[in-house]
PDB file of N, CA and C in Angstrom:
ATOM      1  N   MET A   1       0.840  -1.171   0.000  1.00  0.00           N
ATOM      2  CA  MET A   1       0.000   0.000   0.000  1.00  0.00           C
ATOM      3  C   MET A   1       0.890   1.241   0.000  1.00  0.00           C
ATOM      4  N   GLU A   2       0.609   2.152  -0.871  1.00  0.00           N
ATOM      5  CA  GLU A   2       1.403   3.358  -1.012  1.00  0.00           C
ATOM      6  C   GLU A   2       0.779   4.501  -0.209  1.00  0.00           C
ATOM      7  N   HIS A   3       1.630   5.221   0.573  1.00  0.00           N
ATOM      8  CA  HIS A   3       1.149   6.335   1.378  1.00  0.00           C
ATOM      9  C   HIS A   3       1.495   7.651   0.702  1.00  0.00           C
ATOM     10  N   LYS A   4       0.530   8.512   0.618  1.00  0.00           N
ATOM     11  CA  LYS A   4       0.738   9.833   0.044  1.00  0.00           C
ATOM     12  C   LYS A   4       0.964  10.831   1.169  1.00  0.00           C
ATOM     13  N   LYS A   5       2.004  11.660   1.033  1.00  0.00           N
ATOM     14  CA  LYS A   5       2.241  12.699   2.023  1.00  0.00           C
ATOM     15  C   LYS A   5       1.194  13.789   1.842  1.00  0.00           C
ATOM     16  N   ILE A   6       0.650  14.246   2.956  1.00  0.00           N
ATOM     17  CA  ILE A   6      -0.369  15.295   2.923  1.00  0.00           C
ATOM     18  C   ILE A   6       0.244  16.554   3.505  1.00  0.00           C
ATOM     19  N   SER A   7       0.178  17.616   2.752  1.00  0.00           N
ATOM     20  CA  SER A   7       0.710  18.879   3.257  1.00  0.00           C
ATOM     21  C   SER A   7      -0.244  19.458   4.283  1.00  0.00           C
ATOM     22  N   THR A   8       0.288  20.363   5.118  1.00  0.00           N
ATOM     23  CA  THR A   8      -0.570  20.963   6.143  1.00  0.00           C
ATOM     24  C   THR A   8      -1.674  21.809   5.529  1.00  0.00           C
ATOM     25  N   SER A   9      -1.432  22.367   4.346  1.00  0.00           N
ATOM     26  CA  SER A   9      -2.486  23.166   3.715  1.00  0.00           C
ATOM     27  C   SER A   9      -3.646  22.291   3.254  1.00  0.00           C
ATOM     28  N   GLU A  10      -3.349  21.060   2.897  1.00  0.00           N
ATOM     29  CA  GLU A  10      -4.420  20.144   2.488  1.00  0.00           C
ATOM     30  C   GLU A  10      -5.277  19.757   3.677  1.00  0.00           C
ATOM     31  N   VAL A  11      -4.682  19.664   4.839  1.00  0.00           N
ATOM     32  CA  VAL A  11      -5.410  19.295   6.030  1.00  0.00           C
ATOM     33  C   VAL A  11      -6.170  20.497   6.585  1.00  0.00           C
ATOM     34  N   GLY A  12      -5.721  21.709   6.209  1.00  0.00           N
ATOM     35  CA  GLY A  12      -6.364  22.909   6.708  1.00  0.00           C
ATOM     36  C   GLY A  12      -5.745  23.394   8.000  1.00  0.00           C
ATOM     37  N   ARG A  13      -4.552  22.909   8.299  1.00  0.00           N
ATOM     38  CA  ARG A  13      -3.873  23.292   9.532  1.00  0.00           C
ATOM     39  C   ARG A  13      -2.538  23.918   9.203  1.00  0.00           C
ATOM     40  N   GLY A  14      -2.552  25.117   8.688  1.00  0.00           N
ATOM     41  CA  GLY A  14      -1.319  25.818   8.403  1.00  0.00           C
ATOM     42  C   GLY A  14      -0.696  26.351   9.682  1.00  0.00           C
ATOM     43  N   ASP A  15       0.331  27.128   9.544  1.00  0.00           N
ATOM     44  CA  ASP A  15       0.989  27.746  10.679  1.00  0.00           C
ATOM     45  C   ASP A  15       0.000  28.700  11.347  1.00  0.00           C
ATOM     46  N   PRO A  16      -0.271  28.532  12.631  1.00  0.00           N
ATOM     47  CA  PRO A  16      -1.257  29.403  13.287  1.00  0.00           C
ATOM     48  C   PRO A  16      -0.800  30.858  13.386  1.00  0.00           C
ATOM     49  N   LEU A  17       0.483  31.121  13.169  1.00  0.00           N
ATOM     50  CA  LEU A  17       0.986  32.485  13.246  1.00  0.00           C
ATOM     51  C   LEU A  17       0.905  33.212  11.909  1.00  0.00           C
ATOM     52  N   ASP A  18       0.623  32.495  10.825  1.00  0.00           N
ATOM     53  CA  ASP A  18       0.613  33.095   9.491  1.00  0.00           C
ATOM     54  C   ASP A  18      -0.391  34.231   9.336  1.00  0.00           C
ATOM     55  N   ASP A  19      -1.551  34.100   9.909  1.00  0.00           N
ATOM     56  CA  ASP A  19      -2.611  35.087   9.710  1.00  0.00           C
ATOM     57  C   ASP A  19      -2.671  36.151  10.796  1.00  0.00           C
ATOM     58  N   LEU A  20      -1.677  36.161  11.685  1.00  0.00           N
ATOM     59  CA  LEU A  20      -1.692  37.111  12.790  1.00  0.00           C
ATOM     60  C   LEU A  20      -0.989  38.413  12.415  1.00  0.00           C
ATOM     61  N   PRO A  21      -1.405  39.524  13.022  1.00  0.00           N
ATOM     62  CA  PRO A  21      -0.714  40.800  12.792  1.00  0.00           C
ATOM     63  C   PRO A  21       0.663  40.789  13.460  1.00  0.00           C
ATOM     64  N   ALA A  22       1.438  41.833  13.245  1.00  0.00           N
ATOM     65  CA  ALA A  22       2.807  41.912  13.780  1.00  0.00           C
ATOM     66  C   ALA A  22       2.841  41.877  15.306  1.00  0.00           C
ATOM     67  N   LEU A  23       1.843  42.458  15.937  1.00  0.00           N
ATOM     68  CA  LEU A  23       1.729  42.454  17.394  1.00  0.00           C
ATOM     69  C   LEU A  23       0.396  41.835  17.785  1.00  0.00           C
ATOM     70  N   ILE A  24       0.438  40.971  18.790  1.00  0.00           N
ATOM     71  CA  ILE A  24      -0.799  40.362  19.277  1.00  0.00           C
ATOM     72  C   ILE A  24      -0.880  40.535  20.788  1.00  0.00           C
ATOM     73  N   SER A  25      -2.080  40.477  21.297  1.00  0.00           N
ATOM     74  CA  SER A  25      -2.273  40.622  22.740  1.00  0.00           C
ATOM     75  C   SER A  25      -1.738  39.380  23.457  1.00  0.00           C
ATOM     76  N   VAL A  26      -1.447  39.540  24.722  1.00  0.00           N
ATOM     77  CA  VAL A  26      -0.959  38.415  25.518  1.00  0.00           C
ATOM     78  C   VAL A  26      -2.009  37.304  25.594  1.00  0.00           C
ATOM     79  N   PRO A  27      -3.302  37.624  25.818  1.00  0.00           N
ATOM     80  CA  PRO A  27      -4.298  36.547  25.831  1.00  0.00           C
ATOM     81  C   PRO A  27      -4.365  35.781  24.493  1.00  0.00           C
ATOM     82  N   ARG A  28      -4.224  36.498  23.384  1.00  0.00           N
ATOM     83  CA  ARG A  28      -4.258  35.817  22.080  1.00  0.00           C
ATOM     84  C   ARG A  28      -3.032  34.926  21.906  1.00  0.00           C
ATOM     85  N   ALA A  29      -1.864  35.402  22.336  1.00  0.00           N
ATOM     86  CA  ALA A  29      -0.645  34.583  22.286  1.00  0.00           C
ATOM     87  C   ALA A  29      -0.805  33.359  23.177  1.00  0.00           C
ATOM     88  N   ALA A  30      -1.426  33.541  24.330  1.00  0.00           N
ATOM     89  CA  ALA A  30      -1.665  32.413  25.231  1.00  0.00           C
ATOM     90  C   ALA A  30      -2.517  31.352  24.555  1.00  0.00           C
ATOM     91  N   ALA A  31      -3.547  31.787  23.841  1.00  0.00           N
ATOM     92  CA  ALA A  31      -4.415  30.841  23.138  1.00  0.00           C
ATOM     93  C   ALA A  31      -3.649  30.090  22.057  1.00  0.00           C
ATOM     94  N   VAL A  32      -2.809  30.802  21.312  1.00  0.00           N
ATOM     95  CA  VAL A  32      -2.019  30.165  20.248  1.00  0.00           C
ATOM     96  C   VAL A  32      -1.052  29.136  20.834  1.00  0.00           C
ATOM     97  N   LEU A  33      -0.467  29.472  21.986  1.00  0.00           N
ATOM     98  CA  LEU A  33       0.528  28.593  22.612  1.00  0.00           C
ATOM     99  C   LEU A  33      -0.086  27.527  23.515  1.00  0.00           C
ATOM    100  N   GLY A  34      -1.386  27.626  23.762  1.00  0.00           N
ATOM    101  CA  GLY A  34      -2.043  26.648  24.630  1.00  0.00           C
ATOM    102  C   GLY A  34      -1.759  26.898  26.104  1.00  0.00           C
ATOM    103  N   LEU A  35      -1.564  28.169  26.466  1.00  0.00           N
ATOM    104  CA  LEU A  35      -1.299  28.553  27.849  1.00  0.00           C
ATOM    105  C   LEU A  35      -2.517  29.256  28.432  1.00  0.00           C
ATOM    106  N   THR A  36      -2.553  29.341  29.752  1.00  0.00           N
ATOM    107  CA  THR A  36      -3.565  30.182  30.372  1.00  0.00           C
ATOM    108  C   THR A  36      -3.087  31.631  30.285  1.00  0.00           C
ATOM    109  N   ARG A  37      -4.016  32.551  30.426  1.00  0.00           N
ATOM    110  CA  ARG A  37      -3.652  33.975  30.417  1.00  0.00           C
ATOM    111  C   ARG A  37      -2.645  34.299  31.507  1.00  0.00           C
ATOM    112  N   ALA A  38      -2.893  33.783  32.694  1.00  0.00           N
ATOM    113  CA  ALA A  38      -2.017  34.064  33.834  1.00  0.00           C
ATOM    114  C   ALA A  38      -0.594  33.566  33.570  1.00  0.00           C
ATOM    115  N   THR A  39      -0.482  32.380  33.005  1.00  0.00           N
ATOM    116  CA  THR A  39       0.835  31.824  32.699  1.00  0.00           C
ATOM    117  C   THR A  39       1.550  32.673  31.651  1.00  0.00           C
ATOM    118  N   ALA A  40       0.818  33.099  30.634  1.00  0.00           N
ATOM    119  CA  ALA A  40       1.416  33.932  29.589  1.00  0.00           C
ATOM    120  C   ALA A  40       1.928  35.245  30.172  1.00  0.00           C
ATOM    121  N   TYR A  41       1.155  35.873  31.050  1.00  0.00           N
ATOM    122  CA  TYR A  41       1.609  37.113  31.679  1.00  0.00           C
ATOM    123  C   TYR A  41       2.816  36.873  32.582  1.00  0.00           C
ATOM    124  N   ARG A  42       2.867  35.717  33.244  1.00  0.00           N
ATOM    125  CA  ARG A  42       4.054  35.387  34.050  1.00  0.00           C
ATOM    126  C   ARG A  42       5.279  35.232  33.154  1.00  0.00           C
ATOM    127  N   TYR A  43       5.105  34.599  31.996  1.00  0.00           N
ATOM    128  CA  TYR A  43       6.221  34.449  31.058  1.00  0.00           C
ATOM    129  C   TYR A  43       6.685  35.813  30.531  1.00  0.00           C
ATOM    130  N   VAL A  44       5.748  36.712  30.297  1.00  0.00           N
ATOM    131  CA  VAL A  44       6.111  38.066  29.861  1.00  0.00           C
ATOM    132  C   VAL A  44       6.931  38.751  30.946  1.00  0.00           C
ATOM    133  N   ALA A  45       6.467  38.669  32.198  1.00  0.00           N
ATOM    134  CA  ALA A  45       7.169  39.304  33.318  1.00  0.00           C
ATOM    135  C   ALA A  45       8.569  38.729  33.500  1.00  0.00           C
ATOM    136  N   ALA A  46       8.722  37.440  33.210  1.00  0.00           N
ATOM    137  CA  ALA A  46      10.022  36.781  33.359  1.00  0.00           C
ATOM    138  C   ALA A  46      10.931  36.991  32.145  1.00  0.00           C
ATOM    139  N   GLY A  47      10.367  37.580  31.076  1.00  0.00           N
ATOM    140  CA  GLY A  47      11.162  37.799  29.866  1.00  0.00           C
ATOM    141  C   GLY A  47      11.224  36.591  28.946  1.00  0.00           C
ATOM    142  N   ALA A  48      10.376  35.598  29.196  1.00  0.00           N
ATOM    143  CA  ALA A  48      10.383  34.383  28.393  1.00  0.00           C
ATOM    144  C   ALA A  48       9.585  34.513  27.098  1.00  0.00           C
ATOM    145  N   LEU A  49       8.713  35.509  27.017  1.00  0.00           N
ATOM    146  CA  LEU A  49       7.973  35.787  25.783  1.00  0.00           C
ATOM    147  C   LEU A  49       8.404  37.148  25.260  1.00  0.00           C
ATOM    148  N   PRO A  50       8.553  37.282  23.933  1.00  0.00           N
ATOM    149  CA  PRO A  50       9.016  38.539  23.334  1.00  0.00           C
ATOM    150  C   PRO A  50       7.938  39.611  23.338  1.00  0.00           C
ATOM    151  N   ALA A  51       7.918  40.413  24.383  1.00  0.00           N
ATOM    152  CA  ALA A  51       6.851  41.405  24.566  1.00  0.00           C
ATOM    153  C   ALA A  51       7.372  42.825  24.397  1.00  0.00           C
ATOM    154  N   ARG A  52       6.468  43.707  24.023  1.00  0.00           N
ATOM    155  CA  ARG A  52       6.724  45.141  23.929  1.00  0.00           C
ATOM    156  C   ARG A  52       5.595  45.856  24.659  1.00  0.00           C
ATOM    157  N   ARG A  53       5.942  46.883  25.390  1.00  0.00           N
ATOM    158  CA  ARG A  53       4.948  47.680  26.117  1.00  0.00           C
ATOM    159  C   ARG A  53       4.663  48.954  25.348  1.00  0.00           C
ATOM    160  N   PHE A  54       3.389  49.297  25.254  1.00  0.00           N
ATOM    161  CA  PHE A  54       2.954  50.532  24.614  1.00  0.00           C
ATOM    162  C   PHE A  54       1.936  51.203  25.519  1.00  0.00           C
ATOM    163  N   GLY A  55       2.070  52.485  25.695  1.00  0.00           N
ATOM    164  CA  GLY A  55       1.097  53.228  26.481  1.00  0.00           C
ATOM    165  C   GLY A  55       1.090  52.863  27.946  1.00  0.00           C
ATOM    166  N   GLY A  56       2.228  52.507  28.485  1.00  0.00           N
ATOM    167  CA  GLY A  56       2.307  52.192  29.912  1.00  0.00           C
ATOM    168  C   GLY A  56       1.947  50.762  30.234  1.00  0.00           C
ATOM    169  N   ARG A  57       0.656  50.462  30.298  1.00  0.00           N
ATOM    170  CA  ARG A  57       0.221  49.129  30.740  1.00  0.00           C
ATOM    171  C   ARG A  57      -0.026  48.145  29.608  1.00  0.00           C
ATOM    172  N   ARG A  58      -0.186  48.624  28.401  1.00  0.00           N
ATOM    173  CA  ARG A  58      -0.509  47.722  27.295  1.00  0.00           C
ATOM    174  C   ARG A  58       0.719  46.900  26.891  1.00  0.00           C
ATOM    175  N   VAL A  59       0.531  45.591  26.853  1.00  0.00           N
ATOM    176  CA  VAL A  59       1.618  44.677  26.523  1.00  0.00           C
ATOM    177  C   VAL A  59       1.215  43.869  25.302  1.00  0.00           C
ATOM    178  N   TYR A  60       2.117  43.792  24.341  1.00  0.00           N
ATOM    179  CA  TYR A  60       1.869  43.017  23.123  1.00  0.00           C
ATOM    180  C   TYR A  60       3.024  42.065  22.885  1.00  0.00           C
ATOM    181  N   ILE A  61       2.721  40.960  22.232  1.00  0.00           N
ATOM    182  CA  ILE A  61       3.727  39.974  21.852  1.00  0.00           C
ATOM    183  C   ILE A  61       4.103  40.218  20.401  1.00  0.00           C
ATOM    184  N   VAL A  62       5.405  40.211  20.111  1.00  0.00           N
ATOM    185  CA  VAL A  62       5.905  40.412  18.760  1.00  0.00           C
ATOM    186  C   VAL A  62       5.819  39.063  18.032  1.00  0.00           C
ATOM    187  N   THR A  63       4.946  38.982  17.039  1.00  0.00           N
ATOM    188  CA  THR A  63       4.651  37.722  16.367  1.00  0.00           C
ATOM    189  C   THR A  63       5.886  37.111  15.705  1.00  0.00           C
ATOM    190  N   ALA A  64       6.707  37.924  15.033  1.00  0.00           N
ATOM    191  CA  ALA A  64       7.899  37.389  14.356  1.00  0.00           C
ATOM    192  C   ALA A  64       8.868  36.772  15.359  1.00  0.00           C
ATOM    193  N   LYS A  65       9.040  37.419  16.499  1.00  0.00           N
ATOM    194  CA  LYS A  65       9.940  36.866  17.515  1.00  0.00           C
ATOM    195  C   LYS A  65       9.332  35.643  18.180  1.00  0.00           C
ATOM    196  N   LEU A  66       8.015  35.610  18.278  1.00  0.00           N
ATOM    197  CA  LEU A  66       7.338  34.442  18.823  1.00  0.00           C
ATOM    198  C   LEU A  66       7.565  33.242  17.905  1.00  0.00           C
ATOM    199  N   ARG A  67       7.501  33.477  16.598  1.00  0.00           N
ATOM    200  CA  ARG A  67       7.757  32.405  15.625  1.00  0.00           C
ATOM    201  C   ARG A  67       9.191  31.890  15.790  1.00  0.00           C
ATOM    202  N   ASP A  68      10.153  32.807  15.913  1.00  0.00           N
ATOM    203  CA  ASP A  68      11.550  32.405  16.121  1.00  0.00           C
ATOM    204  C   ASP A  68      11.713  31.615  17.405  1.00  0.00           C
ATOM    205  N   LEU A  69      11.043  32.046  18.460  1.00  0.00           N
ATOM    206  CA  LEU A  69      11.113  31.361  19.737  1.00  0.00           C
ATOM    207  C   LEU A  69      10.559  29.938  19.616  1.00  0.00           C
ATOM    208  N   ILE A  70       9.462  29.791  18.907  1.00  0.00           N
ATOM    209  CA  ILE A  70       8.855  28.467  18.732  1.00  0.00           C
ATOM    210  C   ILE A  70       9.768  27.573  17.903  1.00  0.00           C
ATOM    211  N   GLU A  71      10.339  28.116  16.842  1.00  0.00           N
ATOM    212  CA  GLU A  71      11.174  27.336  15.924  1.00  0.00           C
ATOM    213  C   GLU A  71      12.544  27.005  16.506  1.00  0.00           C
ATOM    214  N   HIS A  72      13.143  27.964  17.234  1.00  0.00           N
ATOM    215  CA  HIS A  72      14.535  27.790  17.663  1.00  0.00           C
ATOM    216  C   HIS A  72      14.723  27.685  19.164  1.00  0.00           C
ATOM    217  N   GLY A  73      13.677  27.865  19.918  1.00  0.00           N
ATOM    218  CA  GLY A  73      13.746  27.711  21.372  1.00  0.00           C
ATOM    219  C   GLY A  73      14.696  28.663  22.042  1.00  0.00           C
ATOM    220  N   ASP A  74      15.592  28.129  22.863  1.00  0.00           N
ATOM    221  CA  ASP A  74      16.489  28.932  23.673  1.00  0.00           C
ATOM    222  C   ASP A  74      17.582  29.650  22.884  1.00  0.00           C
ATOM    223  N   GLU A  75      17.729  29.337  21.607  1.00  0.00           N
ATOM    224  CA  GLU A  75      18.761  29.964  20.800  1.00  0.00           C
ATOM    225  C   GLU A  75      18.436  31.428  20.516  1.00  0.00           C
ATOM    226  N   VAL A  76      17.165  31.821  20.650  1.00  0.00           N
ATOM    227  CA  VAL A  76      16.715  33.164  20.291  1.00  0.00           C
ATOM    228  C   VAL A  76      16.676  34.031  21.542  1.00  0.00           C
ATOM    229  N   ALA A  77      17.275  35.217  21.439  1.00  0.00           N
ATOM    230  CA  ALA A  77      17.178  36.171  22.544  1.00  0.00           C
ATOM    231  C   ALA A  77      15.922  37.012  22.364  1.00  0.00           C
ATOM    232  N   ALA A  78      15.095  37.079  23.376  1.00  0.00           N
ATOM    233  CA  ALA A  78      13.841  37.827  23.294  1.00  0.00           C
ATOM    234  C   ALA A  78      14.114  39.242  23.269  1.00  0.00           C
TER     235      ALA A  78
END
């Protein structure tokens, strides 16, 4: 029996970061990563997620750096 390789686009499961804007909210990043909101905010506070602050309290995750972090792990400096 011959097996055909199925691309992720055929399955309908592309990269979840492809359709995201350059900056995303921490809760949205948590959903993409499968984390709780509280855990994601703890990771931001610890510097484990690539975050940028705007307007004092507003915190956003940099999508391109998040992709690098997912792909390369500890090799990437946030």
